[in-house]
N, C-alpha and C. Protein backbone atom coordinates (compact mmCIF):
# COMPACT_ATOMS: atom_id res chain seq x y z
N UNK A 1 -2.91 -79.51 68.49
CA UNK A 1 -3.11 -79.77 69.88
C UNK A 1 -4.58 -79.93 70.20
N UNK A 2 -5.43 -79.16 69.59
CA UNK A 2 -6.86 -79.22 69.87
C UNK A 2 -7.60 -79.85 68.70
N UNK A 3 -8.79 -80.36 68.97
CA UNK A 3 -9.53 -81.11 67.97
C UNK A 3 -9.83 -80.31 66.70
N UNK A 4 -10.02 -78.99 66.82
CA UNK A 4 -10.36 -78.21 65.64
C UNK A 4 -9.13 -77.71 64.89
N UNK A 5 -7.96 -78.06 65.32
CA UNK A 5 -6.73 -77.66 64.65
C UNK A 5 -6.52 -78.55 63.43
N UNK A 6 -6.46 -77.95 62.24
CA UNK A 6 -6.32 -78.72 61.01
C UNK A 6 -4.98 -79.43 60.90
N UNK A 7 -3.93 -78.85 61.47
CA UNK A 7 -2.60 -79.41 61.34
C UNK A 7 -2.30 -80.54 62.32
N UNK A 8 -3.09 -80.67 63.36
CA UNK A 8 -2.79 -81.66 64.37
C UNK A 8 -4.11 -82.20 64.91
N UNK A 9 -4.27 -83.50 64.84
CA UNK A 9 -5.54 -84.08 65.26
C UNK A 9 -5.52 -84.58 66.70
N UNK A 10 -4.55 -84.15 67.50
CA UNK A 10 -4.50 -84.54 68.91
C UNK A 10 -5.58 -83.80 69.69
N UNK A 11 -6.37 -84.54 70.42
CA UNK A 11 -7.42 -83.92 71.23
C UNK A 11 -6.81 -83.33 72.49
N UNK A 12 -7.57 -82.48 73.14
CA UNK A 12 -7.12 -81.89 74.40
C UNK A 12 -6.87 -82.98 75.43
N UNK A 13 -7.72 -84.00 75.45
CA UNK A 13 -7.56 -85.11 76.39
C UNK A 13 -6.26 -85.87 76.11
N UNK A 14 -5.95 -86.08 74.84
CA UNK A 14 -4.70 -86.75 74.48
C UNK A 14 -3.50 -85.91 74.90
N UNK A 15 -3.61 -84.62 74.68
CA UNK A 15 -2.54 -83.69 75.07
C UNK A 15 -2.32 -83.76 76.58
N UNK A 16 -3.41 -83.71 77.35
CA UNK A 16 -3.32 -83.76 78.81
C UNK A 16 -2.71 -85.09 79.27
N UNK A 17 -3.10 -86.17 78.61
CA UNK A 17 -2.55 -87.48 78.98
C UNK A 17 -1.06 -87.53 78.68
N UNK A 18 -0.66 -86.99 77.55
CA UNK A 18 0.77 -86.98 77.20
C UNK A 18 1.56 -86.15 78.21
N UNK A 19 1.00 -85.01 78.61
CA UNK A 19 1.66 -84.16 79.61
C UNK A 19 1.78 -84.88 80.95
N UNK A 20 0.73 -85.59 81.33
CA UNK A 20 0.77 -86.35 82.59
C UNK A 20 1.82 -87.45 82.52
N UNK A 21 1.96 -88.09 81.37
CA UNK A 21 2.98 -89.12 81.19
C UNK A 21 4.38 -88.53 81.36
N UNK A 22 4.58 -87.34 80.83
CA UNK A 22 5.88 -86.67 80.98
C UNK A 22 6.14 -86.39 82.46
N UNK A 23 5.13 -85.92 83.17
CA UNK A 23 5.29 -85.58 84.59
C UNK A 23 5.53 -86.81 85.47
N UNK A 24 5.30 -88.00 84.92
CA UNK A 24 5.55 -89.24 85.66
C UNK A 24 6.86 -89.92 85.27
N UNK A 25 7.57 -89.35 84.30
CA UNK A 25 8.84 -89.94 83.87
C UNK A 25 9.86 -89.86 85.02
N UNK A 26 10.65 -90.90 85.22
CA UNK A 26 11.64 -90.87 86.30
C UNK A 26 12.58 -89.66 86.23
N UNK A 27 13.00 -89.27 85.05
CA UNK A 27 13.91 -88.13 84.95
C UNK A 27 13.21 -86.82 85.34
N UNK A 28 11.95 -86.69 84.99
CA UNK A 28 11.19 -85.50 85.39
C UNK A 28 11.01 -85.47 86.91
N UNK A 29 10.65 -86.61 87.49
CA UNK A 29 10.46 -86.69 88.93
C UNK A 29 11.76 -86.39 89.68
N UNK A 30 12.88 -86.88 89.17
CA UNK A 30 14.17 -86.59 89.80
C UNK A 30 14.48 -85.10 89.67
N UNK A 31 14.14 -84.50 88.55
CA UNK A 31 14.34 -83.06 88.38
C UNK A 31 13.52 -82.27 89.39
N UNK A 32 12.29 -82.69 89.61
CA UNK A 32 11.45 -82.03 90.62
C UNK A 32 12.06 -82.16 92.01
N UNK A 33 12.63 -83.30 92.29
CA UNK A 33 13.28 -83.51 93.59
C UNK A 33 14.47 -82.56 93.74
N UNK A 34 15.22 -82.39 92.69
CA UNK A 34 16.36 -81.47 92.71
C UNK A 34 15.88 -80.04 92.94
N UNK A 35 14.81 -79.65 92.27
CA UNK A 35 14.25 -78.30 92.46
C UNK A 35 13.90 -78.09 93.93
N UNK A 36 13.24 -79.06 94.53
CA UNK A 36 12.82 -78.92 95.92
C UNK A 36 14.02 -78.79 96.86
N UNK A 37 15.05 -79.60 96.66
CA UNK A 37 16.23 -79.54 97.52
C UNK A 37 16.96 -78.22 97.32
N UNK A 38 17.07 -77.76 96.08
CA UNK A 38 17.72 -76.48 95.81
C UNK A 38 16.94 -75.35 96.47
N UNK A 39 15.62 -75.40 96.41
CA UNK A 39 14.81 -74.37 97.08
C UNK A 39 15.07 -74.35 98.58
N UNK A 40 15.15 -75.52 99.18
CA UNK A 40 15.43 -75.59 100.61
C UNK A 40 16.83 -75.07 100.93
N UNK A 41 17.77 -75.38 100.06
CA UNK A 41 19.14 -74.92 100.26
C UNK A 41 19.24 -73.40 100.16
N UNK A 42 18.62 -72.82 99.14
CA UNK A 42 18.73 -71.36 98.99
C UNK A 42 17.97 -70.61 100.07
N UNK A 43 17.01 -71.27 100.71
CA UNK A 43 16.33 -70.65 101.84
C UNK A 43 17.29 -70.41 103.01
N UNK A 44 18.42 -71.12 103.02
CA UNK A 44 19.42 -70.96 104.07
C UNK A 44 20.37 -69.79 103.81
N UNK A 45 20.27 -69.17 102.64
CA UNK A 45 21.14 -68.04 102.30
C UNK A 45 20.65 -66.80 103.05
N UNK A 46 21.53 -66.18 103.82
CA UNK A 46 21.13 -64.98 104.56
C UNK A 46 20.78 -63.84 103.59
N UNK A 47 19.67 -63.17 103.85
CA UNK A 47 19.21 -62.10 102.97
C UNK A 47 20.22 -60.96 102.85
N UNK A 48 20.98 -60.74 103.89
CA UNK A 48 21.92 -59.61 103.87
C UNK A 48 23.19 -59.88 103.07
N UNK A 49 23.43 -61.13 102.67
CA UNK A 49 24.62 -61.46 101.90
C UNK A 49 24.33 -61.30 100.41
N UNK A 50 24.72 -60.15 99.85
CA UNK A 50 24.42 -59.83 98.45
C UNK A 50 25.08 -60.80 97.48
N UNK A 51 26.31 -61.20 97.77
CA UNK A 51 27.01 -62.11 96.87
C UNK A 51 26.30 -63.46 96.78
N UNK A 52 25.94 -64.01 97.93
CA UNK A 52 25.23 -65.29 97.92
C UNK A 52 23.86 -65.17 97.28
N UNK A 53 23.21 -64.05 97.49
CA UNK A 53 21.89 -63.86 96.89
C UNK A 53 21.97 -63.73 95.38
N UNK A 54 23.10 -63.28 94.87
CA UNK A 54 23.25 -63.22 93.41
C UNK A 54 23.36 -64.63 92.83
N UNK A 55 23.87 -65.56 93.60
CA UNK A 55 23.99 -66.95 93.16
C UNK A 55 22.65 -67.67 93.27
N UNK A 56 21.82 -67.25 94.20
CA UNK A 56 20.54 -67.90 94.45
C UNK A 56 19.71 -68.03 93.17
N UNK A 57 19.61 -66.95 92.41
CA UNK A 57 18.83 -66.98 91.17
C UNK A 57 19.38 -67.97 90.16
N UNK A 58 20.70 -68.06 90.08
CA UNK A 58 21.32 -69.02 89.15
C UNK A 58 21.01 -70.46 89.55
N UNK A 59 21.05 -70.73 90.84
CA UNK A 59 20.75 -72.08 91.32
C UNK A 59 19.32 -72.47 91.00
N UNK A 60 18.40 -71.58 91.27
CA UNK A 60 16.98 -71.85 91.00
C UNK A 60 16.75 -72.03 89.49
N UNK A 61 17.32 -71.14 88.70
CA UNK A 61 17.14 -71.23 87.24
C UNK A 61 17.67 -72.55 86.69
N UNK A 62 18.86 -72.92 87.10
CA UNK A 62 19.44 -74.19 86.63
C UNK A 62 18.58 -75.38 87.06
N UNK A 63 18.11 -75.36 88.30
CA UNK A 63 17.29 -76.47 88.79
C UNK A 63 15.99 -76.58 87.99
N UNK A 64 15.32 -75.47 87.76
CA UNK A 64 14.06 -75.51 87.00
C UNK A 64 14.27 -75.91 85.54
N UNK A 65 15.43 -75.62 85.00
CA UNK A 65 15.72 -75.99 83.62
C UNK A 65 15.68 -77.51 83.44
N UNK A 66 16.04 -78.25 84.48
CA UNK A 66 16.07 -79.71 84.40
C UNK A 66 14.70 -80.30 84.09
N UNK A 67 13.64 -79.69 84.60
CA UNK A 67 12.30 -80.20 84.31
C UNK A 67 11.68 -79.51 83.10
N UNK A 68 11.90 -78.22 82.98
CA UNK A 68 11.28 -77.47 81.88
C UNK A 68 11.73 -77.99 80.52
N UNK A 69 12.99 -78.31 80.39
CA UNK A 69 13.50 -78.77 79.10
C UNK A 69 13.13 -80.22 78.81
N UNK A 70 12.84 -81.00 79.84
CA UNK A 70 12.29 -82.35 79.61
C UNK A 70 10.93 -82.20 78.94
N UNK A 71 10.11 -81.31 79.47
CA UNK A 71 8.78 -81.06 78.90
C UNK A 71 8.92 -80.59 77.45
N UNK A 72 9.84 -79.65 77.20
CA UNK A 72 10.04 -79.16 75.83
C UNK A 72 10.48 -80.28 74.89
N UNK A 73 11.41 -81.08 75.34
CA UNK A 73 11.92 -82.17 74.49
C UNK A 73 10.83 -83.18 74.19
N UNK A 74 10.03 -83.49 75.18
CA UNK A 74 8.99 -84.49 75.00
C UNK A 74 7.82 -83.98 74.16
N UNK A 75 7.76 -82.68 73.95
CA UNK A 75 6.71 -82.10 73.10
C UNK A 75 6.99 -82.32 71.62
N UNK A 76 8.19 -82.77 71.31
CA UNK A 76 8.57 -83.00 69.92
C UNK A 76 9.00 -84.45 69.73
N UNK A 77 8.82 -84.95 68.52
CA UNK A 77 9.32 -86.28 68.19
C UNK A 77 10.64 -86.20 67.45
N UNK A 78 11.06 -85.00 67.09
CA UNK A 78 12.25 -84.83 66.25
C UNK A 78 13.54 -84.95 67.06
N UNK A 79 14.44 -85.77 66.55
CA UNK A 79 15.72 -86.02 67.21
C UNK A 79 16.48 -84.73 67.48
N UNK A 80 16.58 -83.88 66.48
CA UNK A 80 17.39 -82.68 66.63
C UNK A 80 16.84 -81.74 67.70
N UNK A 81 15.52 -81.62 67.81
CA UNK A 81 14.93 -80.77 68.84
C UNK A 81 15.10 -81.39 70.23
N UNK A 82 14.98 -82.70 70.31
CA UNK A 82 15.21 -83.37 71.59
C UNK A 82 16.66 -83.19 72.03
N UNK A 83 17.59 -83.33 71.09
CA UNK A 83 19.00 -83.18 71.43
C UNK A 83 19.34 -81.74 71.83
N UNK A 84 18.72 -80.79 71.20
CA UNK A 84 18.94 -79.39 71.57
C UNK A 84 18.52 -79.16 73.03
N UNK A 85 17.37 -79.66 73.40
CA UNK A 85 16.91 -79.55 74.78
C UNK A 85 17.81 -80.33 75.72
N UNK A 86 18.26 -81.50 75.29
CA UNK A 86 19.17 -82.31 76.11
C UNK A 86 20.48 -81.56 76.38
N UNK A 87 20.99 -80.85 75.39
CA UNK A 87 22.22 -80.08 75.59
C UNK A 87 22.02 -78.96 76.60
N UNK A 88 20.86 -78.32 76.57
CA UNK A 88 20.56 -77.26 77.54
C UNK A 88 20.46 -77.86 78.94
N UNK A 89 19.83 -79.01 79.05
CA UNK A 89 19.73 -79.71 80.34
C UNK A 89 21.12 -80.03 80.86
N UNK A 90 21.96 -80.58 80.01
CA UNK A 90 23.31 -80.96 80.42
C UNK A 90 24.07 -79.75 80.95
N UNK A 91 23.96 -78.63 80.25
CA UNK A 91 24.66 -77.42 80.70
C UNK A 91 24.13 -76.96 82.05
N UNK A 92 22.82 -76.95 82.22
CA UNK A 92 22.24 -76.51 83.49
C UNK A 92 22.68 -77.44 84.63
N UNK A 93 22.69 -78.73 84.37
CA UNK A 93 23.09 -79.69 85.41
C UNK A 93 24.56 -79.52 85.77
N UNK A 94 25.40 -79.32 84.77
CA UNK A 94 26.83 -79.12 85.04
C UNK A 94 27.06 -77.81 85.78
N UNK A 95 26.35 -76.77 85.40
CA UNK A 95 26.48 -75.49 86.10
C UNK A 95 26.04 -75.63 87.55
N UNK A 96 24.94 -76.33 87.75
CA UNK A 96 24.43 -76.55 89.11
C UNK A 96 25.42 -77.37 89.93
N UNK A 97 26.02 -78.36 89.30
CA UNK A 97 26.96 -79.25 89.99
C UNK A 97 28.15 -78.48 90.57
N UNK A 98 28.61 -77.45 89.89
CA UNK A 98 29.82 -76.75 90.34
C UNK A 98 29.53 -75.49 91.16
N UNK A 99 28.26 -75.19 91.38
CA UNK A 99 27.94 -73.98 92.15
C UNK A 99 28.38 -74.08 93.60
N UNK A 100 28.66 -75.29 94.08
CA UNK A 100 29.15 -75.40 95.45
C UNK A 100 30.45 -74.61 95.64
N UNK A 101 31.27 -74.55 94.61
CA UNK A 101 32.52 -73.78 94.70
C UNK A 101 32.23 -72.30 94.90
N UNK A 102 31.26 -71.78 94.15
CA UNK A 102 30.88 -70.37 94.28
C UNK A 102 30.30 -70.11 95.67
N UNK A 103 29.41 -70.98 96.10
CA UNK A 103 28.81 -70.82 97.43
C UNK A 103 29.88 -70.82 98.51
N UNK A 104 30.81 -71.75 98.40
CA UNK A 104 31.91 -71.83 99.38
C UNK A 104 32.75 -70.57 99.36
N UNK A 105 33.10 -70.12 98.16
CA UNK A 105 33.92 -68.92 98.00
C UNK A 105 33.24 -67.68 98.60
N UNK A 106 31.91 -67.62 98.50
CA UNK A 106 31.16 -66.47 99.01
C UNK A 106 30.74 -66.65 100.47
N UNK A 107 31.25 -67.70 101.13
CA UNK A 107 31.06 -67.84 102.56
C UNK A 107 29.78 -68.51 103.01
N UNK A 108 29.17 -69.33 102.16
CA UNK A 108 27.94 -70.04 102.56
C UNK A 108 28.28 -71.04 103.65
N UNK A 109 27.68 -70.87 104.82
CA UNK A 109 28.05 -71.69 105.97
C UNK A 109 27.47 -73.10 105.95
N UNK A 110 26.48 -73.35 105.11
CA UNK A 110 25.83 -74.67 105.05
C UNK A 110 26.26 -75.43 103.80
N UNK A 111 27.49 -75.25 103.38
CA UNK A 111 27.97 -75.83 102.12
C UNK A 111 27.89 -77.37 102.13
N UNK A 112 27.98 -77.98 103.28
CA UNK A 112 27.93 -79.45 103.36
C UNK A 112 26.61 -79.99 102.80
N UNK A 113 25.54 -79.21 102.92
CA UNK A 113 24.25 -79.65 102.39
C UNK A 113 24.23 -79.72 100.87
N UNK A 114 25.15 -79.02 100.23
CA UNK A 114 25.17 -79.02 98.77
C UNK A 114 25.50 -80.41 98.23
N UNK A 115 26.14 -81.24 99.04
CA UNK A 115 26.46 -82.61 98.59
C UNK A 115 25.17 -83.37 98.26
N UNK A 116 24.09 -83.04 98.92
CA UNK A 116 22.80 -83.68 98.61
C UNK A 116 22.41 -83.37 97.16
N UNK A 117 22.57 -82.11 96.76
CA UNK A 117 22.27 -81.71 95.38
C UNK A 117 23.17 -82.47 94.42
N UNK A 118 24.43 -82.55 94.73
CA UNK A 118 25.38 -83.24 93.84
C UNK A 118 25.03 -84.73 93.71
N UNK A 119 24.63 -85.35 94.80
CA UNK A 119 24.23 -86.77 94.75
C UNK A 119 22.98 -86.95 93.87
N UNK A 120 22.02 -86.05 94.02
CA UNK A 120 20.81 -86.12 93.20
C UNK A 120 21.14 -85.88 91.72
N UNK A 121 22.06 -84.98 91.46
CA UNK A 121 22.46 -84.72 90.07
C UNK A 121 23.13 -85.94 89.44
N UNK A 122 23.86 -86.69 90.23
CA UNK A 122 24.46 -87.92 89.70
C UNK A 122 23.36 -88.93 89.35
N UNK A 123 22.35 -89.05 90.19
CA UNK A 123 21.22 -89.92 89.88
C UNK A 123 20.51 -89.42 88.62
N UNK A 124 20.35 -88.12 88.51
CA UNK A 124 19.71 -87.51 87.35
C UNK A 124 20.52 -87.81 86.08
N UNK A 125 21.84 -87.71 86.17
CA UNK A 125 22.72 -87.96 85.03
C UNK A 125 22.49 -89.36 84.47
N UNK A 126 22.37 -90.33 85.35
CA UNK A 126 22.16 -91.71 84.89
C UNK A 126 20.80 -91.87 84.21
N UNK A 127 19.78 -91.22 84.75
CA UNK A 127 18.46 -91.22 84.11
C UNK A 127 18.52 -90.50 82.76
N UNK A 128 19.30 -89.45 82.69
CA UNK A 128 19.47 -88.67 81.46
C UNK A 128 20.05 -89.54 80.35
N UNK A 129 21.05 -90.32 80.67
CA UNK A 129 21.66 -91.21 79.68
C UNK A 129 20.62 -92.16 79.11
N UNK A 130 19.84 -92.76 79.98
CA UNK A 130 18.78 -93.68 79.52
C UNK A 130 17.74 -92.94 78.68
N UNK A 131 17.37 -91.74 79.10
CA UNK A 131 16.36 -90.95 78.39
C UNK A 131 16.83 -90.60 76.98
N UNK A 132 18.06 -90.12 76.84
CA UNK A 132 18.59 -89.74 75.52
C UNK A 132 18.64 -90.95 74.60
N UNK A 133 18.90 -92.11 75.16
CA UNK A 133 18.96 -93.34 74.35
C UNK A 133 17.61 -93.67 73.72
N UNK A 134 16.52 -93.07 74.21
CA UNK A 134 15.20 -93.34 73.64
C UNK A 134 14.89 -92.47 72.42
N UNK A 135 15.72 -91.48 72.12
CA UNK A 135 15.46 -90.58 70.99
C UNK A 135 15.55 -91.36 69.68
N UNK A 136 14.60 -91.12 68.80
CA UNK A 136 14.53 -91.81 67.51
C UNK A 136 15.47 -91.13 66.51
N UNK A 137 16.59 -91.78 66.21
CA UNK A 137 17.57 -91.19 65.31
C UNK A 137 17.09 -91.14 63.86
N UNK A 138 15.99 -91.79 63.56
CA UNK A 138 15.45 -91.78 62.20
C UNK A 138 14.41 -90.70 61.98
N UNK A 139 14.08 -89.95 63.00
CA UNK A 139 13.06 -88.91 62.90
C UNK A 139 13.74 -87.56 63.19
N UNK A 140 14.17 -86.88 62.14
CA UNK A 140 14.93 -85.65 62.33
C UNK A 140 14.75 -84.70 61.15
N UNK A 141 15.09 -83.48 61.39
CA UNK A 141 15.28 -82.49 60.34
C UNK A 141 16.77 -82.16 60.38
N UNK A 142 17.40 -82.06 59.22
CA UNK A 142 18.83 -81.80 59.20
C UNK A 142 19.12 -80.48 59.90
N UNK A 143 20.02 -80.54 60.88
CA UNK A 143 20.46 -79.35 61.59
C UNK A 143 21.59 -78.72 60.77
N UNK A 144 21.29 -77.63 60.12
CA UNK A 144 22.27 -76.97 59.25
C UNK A 144 23.46 -76.40 60.01
N UNK A 145 23.34 -76.29 61.33
CA UNK A 145 24.46 -75.84 62.16
C UNK A 145 25.38 -77.01 62.50
N UNK A 146 24.89 -78.24 62.33
CA UNK A 146 25.70 -79.43 62.51
C UNK A 146 25.85 -79.93 63.94
N UNK A 147 25.13 -79.36 64.88
CA UNK A 147 25.29 -79.78 66.28
C UNK A 147 24.41 -80.95 66.68
N UNK A 148 23.19 -81.00 66.17
CA UNK A 148 22.21 -81.94 66.71
C UNK A 148 21.69 -82.92 65.67
N UNK A 149 22.54 -83.29 64.74
CA UNK A 149 22.18 -84.29 63.76
C UNK A 149 22.43 -85.69 64.32
N UNK A 150 21.62 -86.66 63.92
CA UNK A 150 21.90 -88.03 64.34
C UNK A 150 23.23 -88.50 63.75
N UNK A 151 23.80 -89.54 64.31
CA UNK A 151 25.05 -90.07 63.76
C UNK A 151 24.92 -90.35 62.27
N UNK A 152 25.93 -89.93 61.52
CA UNK A 152 25.96 -90.17 60.09
C UNK A 152 25.26 -89.13 59.24
N UNK A 153 24.64 -88.13 59.85
CA UNK A 153 23.94 -87.08 59.11
C UNK A 153 24.81 -85.82 59.12
N UNK A 154 25.02 -85.26 57.95
CA UNK A 154 25.84 -84.06 57.80
C UNK A 154 24.96 -82.83 57.67
N UNK A 155 25.45 -81.67 58.11
CA UNK A 155 24.67 -80.44 57.92
C UNK A 155 24.50 -80.09 56.44
N UNK A 156 25.23 -80.77 55.57
CA UNK A 156 25.15 -80.51 54.14
C UNK A 156 24.27 -81.52 53.41
N UNK A 157 23.73 -82.48 54.15
CA UNK A 157 22.83 -83.47 53.54
C UNK A 157 21.56 -82.77 53.06
N UNK A 158 21.01 -83.30 51.98
CA UNK A 158 19.74 -82.77 51.48
C UNK A 158 18.60 -83.44 52.24
N UNK A 159 17.55 -82.66 52.50
CA UNK A 159 16.38 -83.23 53.15
C UNK A 159 15.45 -83.79 52.09
N UNK A 160 14.69 -84.78 52.43
CA UNK A 160 13.78 -85.40 51.47
C UNK A 160 12.42 -84.79 51.55
């Protein structure tokens, strides 16, 4: 990451530029938009409602995962590591998508606003599909667990 690092010749300026590029990616920007809307939504949760407040943390965590894991995935060039982060993103997005049921069940009176989150998540999903398609299937380490190997690679394949 730094110029004096023997294993990596990326300068601090290059690192900063790469990070800025990630922060300008459409999927990252959409994730930030989702975080902001979720924050506004959870601000409507009454403090005295313990059940709804227990859901608040889950909503925030899932929303932040959408951007944090993009950054993690983009920090690596390896297909398997990118796919691992993509799977975590997918789970967080799906969990966030269905939280409206929990909010409704616990009596959240502004449940109609959650449709905004769901609409944004659908936009995010489409960006996600395009983003995953950019992963280099030829740059990987064999995943011995068999979950995140590129097509045609077995967990029993030998590495070169």
